[in-house]
Amino acid sequence: MIDGLRQPWRLRSSLLIVLIDFGPGKLSELGSAIGRSIREFRRNVRDETSGQRAAERARTPETAFLRWTLARLRRVPGFRVPGY
């Protein structure tokens, strides 16, 4: 069923129908609106996942203790924390 949609004459006829329905002016507006929607969706998903990760890291008492310990150890002269 999907193989029939990939035929060049069907794609051309579909694009021609879309062009006739929307017109060249509205087609550019439609494309830019779709692009803005996709960018906003990606930004929201990225912000939500980074916020969830930060909240998960901050929730555990072990993480808070490790951060406090690393902050103290960084003050010691000559001590290096691997990876920081």
C-alpha atoms as a PDB file:
ATOM      1  CA  MET A   1       0.000   0.000   0.000  1.00  0.00           C
ATOM      2  CA  ILE A   2       2.799   2.447   0.859  1.00  0.00           C
ATOM      3  CA  ASP A   3       4.744   1.454  -2.258  1.00  0.00           C
ATOM      4  CA  GLY A   4       1.990   2.944  -4.409  1.00  0.00           C
ATOM      5  CA  LEU A   5       2.363   6.303  -2.665  1.00  0.00           C
ATOM      6  CA  ARG A   6       6.033   6.545  -3.606  1.00  0.00           C
ATOM      7  CA  GLN A   7       5.388   6.561  -7.315  1.00  0.00           C
ATOM      8  CA  PRO A   8       6.469   9.847  -8.924  1.00  0.00           C
ATOM      9  CA  TRP A   9       3.169  10.563 -10.668  1.00  0.00           C
ATOM     10  CA  ARG A  10       1.254  10.272  -7.385  1.00  0.00           C
ATOM     11  CA  LEU A  11       3.651  12.623  -5.616  1.00  0.00           C
ATOM     12  CA  ARG A  12       3.403  15.160  -8.439  1.00  0.00           C
ATOM     13  CA  SER A  13      -0.370  15.010  -8.523  1.00  0.00           C
ATOM     14  CA  SER A  14      -0.552  15.376  -4.716  1.00  0.00           C
ATOM     15  CA  LEU A  15       1.747  18.404  -4.795  1.00  0.00           C
ATOM     16  CA  LEU A  16      -0.286  19.936  -7.619  1.00  0.00           C
ATOM     17  CA  ILE A  17      -3.520  19.506  -5.651  1.00  0.00           C
ATOM     18  CA  VAL A  18      -1.954  21.072  -2.562  1.00  0.00           C
ATOM     19  CA  LEU A  19      -0.666  23.989  -4.649  1.00  0.00           C
ATOM     20  CA  ILE A  20      -4.094  24.553  -6.184  1.00  0.00           C
ATOM     21  CA  ASP A  21      -5.871  24.350  -2.825  1.00  0.00           C
ATOM     22  CA  PHE A  22      -3.582  26.638  -0.843  1.00  0.00           C
ATOM     23  CA  GLY A  23      -1.992  28.783  -3.545  1.00  0.00           C
ATOM     24  CA  PRO A  24       1.659  29.842  -3.679  1.00  0.00           C
ATOM     25  CA  GLY A  25       1.286  32.584  -1.029  1.00  0.00           C
ATOM     26  CA  LYS A  26      -0.359  30.414   1.579  1.00  0.00           C
ATOM     27  CA  LEU A  27       1.979  27.522   0.846  1.00  0.00           C
ATOM     28  CA  SER A  28       5.009  29.487   2.085  1.00  0.00           C
ATOM     29  CA  GLU A  29       3.102  30.554   5.203  1.00  0.00           C
ATOM     30  CA  LEU A  30       2.069  26.973   5.796  1.00  0.00           C
ATOM     31  CA  GLY A  31       5.668  25.771   5.495  1.00  0.00           C
ATOM     32  CA  SER A  32       6.988  28.402   7.895  1.00  0.00           C
ATOM     33  CA  ALA A  33       4.215  27.625  10.398  1.00  0.00           C
ATOM     34  CA  ILE A  34       5.071  23.924  10.283  1.00  0.00           C
ATOM     35  CA  GLY A  35       8.766  24.755  10.781  1.00  0.00           C
ATOM     36  CA  ARG A  36       8.013  26.977  13.794  1.00  0.00           C
ATOM     37  CA  SER A  37       5.818  24.270  15.291  1.00  0.00           C
ATOM     38  CA  ILE A  38       8.541  21.642  14.932  1.00  0.00           C
ATOM     39  CA  ARG A  39      11.191  23.945  16.474  1.00  0.00           C
ATOM     40  CA  GLU A  40       8.929  24.799  19.405  1.00  0.00           C
ATOM     41  CA  PHE A  41       8.097  21.138  19.964  1.00  0.00           C
ATOM     42  CA  ARG A  42      11.786  20.194  20.011  1.00  0.00           C
ATOM     43  CA  ARG A  43      12.610  23.041  22.395  1.00  0.00           C
ATOM     44  CA  ASN A  44       9.832  22.036  24.784  1.00  0.00           C
ATOM     45  CA  VAL A  45      10.825  18.374  24.735  1.00  0.00           C
ATOM     46  CA  ARG A  46      14.474  19.271  25.346  1.00  0.00           C
ATOM     47  CA  ASP A  47      13.605  21.643  28.212  1.00  0.00           C
ATOM     48  CA  GLU A  48      11.272  19.114  29.795  1.00  0.00           C
ATOM     49  CA  THR A  49      13.795  16.263  29.682  1.00  0.00           C
ATOM     50  CA  SER A  50      16.624  18.426  31.028  1.00  0.00           C
ATOM     51  CA  GLY A  51      14.341  19.647  33.820  1.00  0.00           C
ATOM     52  CA  GLN A  52      13.357  16.104  34.709  1.00  0.00           C
ATOM     53  CA  ARG A  53      16.994  14.992  34.807  1.00  0.00           C
ATOM     54  CA  ALA A  54      17.962  17.897  37.037  1.00  0.00           C
ATOM     55  CA  ALA A  55      15.031  17.181  39.343  1.00  0.00           C
ATOM     56  CA  GLU A  56      15.968  13.493  39.550  1.00  0.00           C
ATOM     57  CA  ARG A  57      19.568  14.355  40.419  1.00  0.00           C
ATOM     58  CA  ALA A  58      18.530  16.871  43.060  1.00  0.00           C
ATOM     59  CA  ARG A  59      16.018  14.583  44.767  1.00  0.00           C
ATOM     60  CA  THR A  60      18.373  12.020  46.202  1.00  0.00           C
ATOM     61  CA  PRO A  61      20.100  12.753  49.500  1.00  0.00           C
ATOM     62  CA  GLU A  62      23.149  10.833  48.281  1.00  0.00           C
ATOM     63  CA  THR A  63      23.603  13.290  45.445  1.00  0.00           C
ATOM     64  CA  ALA A  64      23.413  16.235  47.801  1.00  0.00           C
ATOM     65  CA  PHE A  65      25.985  14.627  50.089  1.00  0.00           C
ATOM     66  CA  LEU A  66      28.321  13.881  47.168  1.00  0.00           C
ATOM     67  CA  ARG A  67      28.088  17.456  45.906  1.00  0.00           C
ATOM     68  CA  TRP A  68      28.846  18.783  49.362  1.00  0.00           C
ATOM     69  CA  THR A  69      31.806  16.407  49.703  1.00  0.00           C
ATOM     70  CA  LEU A  70      33.220  17.344  46.302  1.00  0.00           C
ATOM     71  CA  ALA A  71      32.894  21.033  47.115  1.00  0.00           C
ATOM     72  CA  ARG A  72      34.876  20.466  50.314  1.00  0.00           C
ATOM     73  CA  LEU A  73      37.540  18.346  48.589  1.00  0.00           C
ATOM     74  CA  ARG A  74      38.082  20.921  45.851  1.00  0.00           C
ATOM     75  CA  ARG A  75      39.298  23.348  48.512  1.00  0.00           C
ATOM     76  CA  VAL A  76      42.116  21.010  49.539  1.00  0.00           C
ATOM     77  CA  PRO A  77      45.359  22.097  47.822  1.00  0.00           C
ATOM     78  CA  GLY A  78      46.750  19.482  45.432  1.00  0.00           C
ATOM     79  CA  PHE A  79      43.609  17.356  45.436  1.00  0.00           C
ATOM     80  CA  ARG A  80      42.109  16.637  42.025  1.00  0.00           C
ATOM     81  CA  VAL A  81      38.724  15.086  41.389  1.00  0.00           C
ATOM     82  CA  PRO A  82      38.884  12.901  38.278  1.00  0.00           C
ATOM     83  CA  GLY A  83      36.601  14.189  35.547  1.00  0.00           C
ATOM     84  CA  TYR A  84      36.235  17.716  36.963  1.00  0.00           C
END
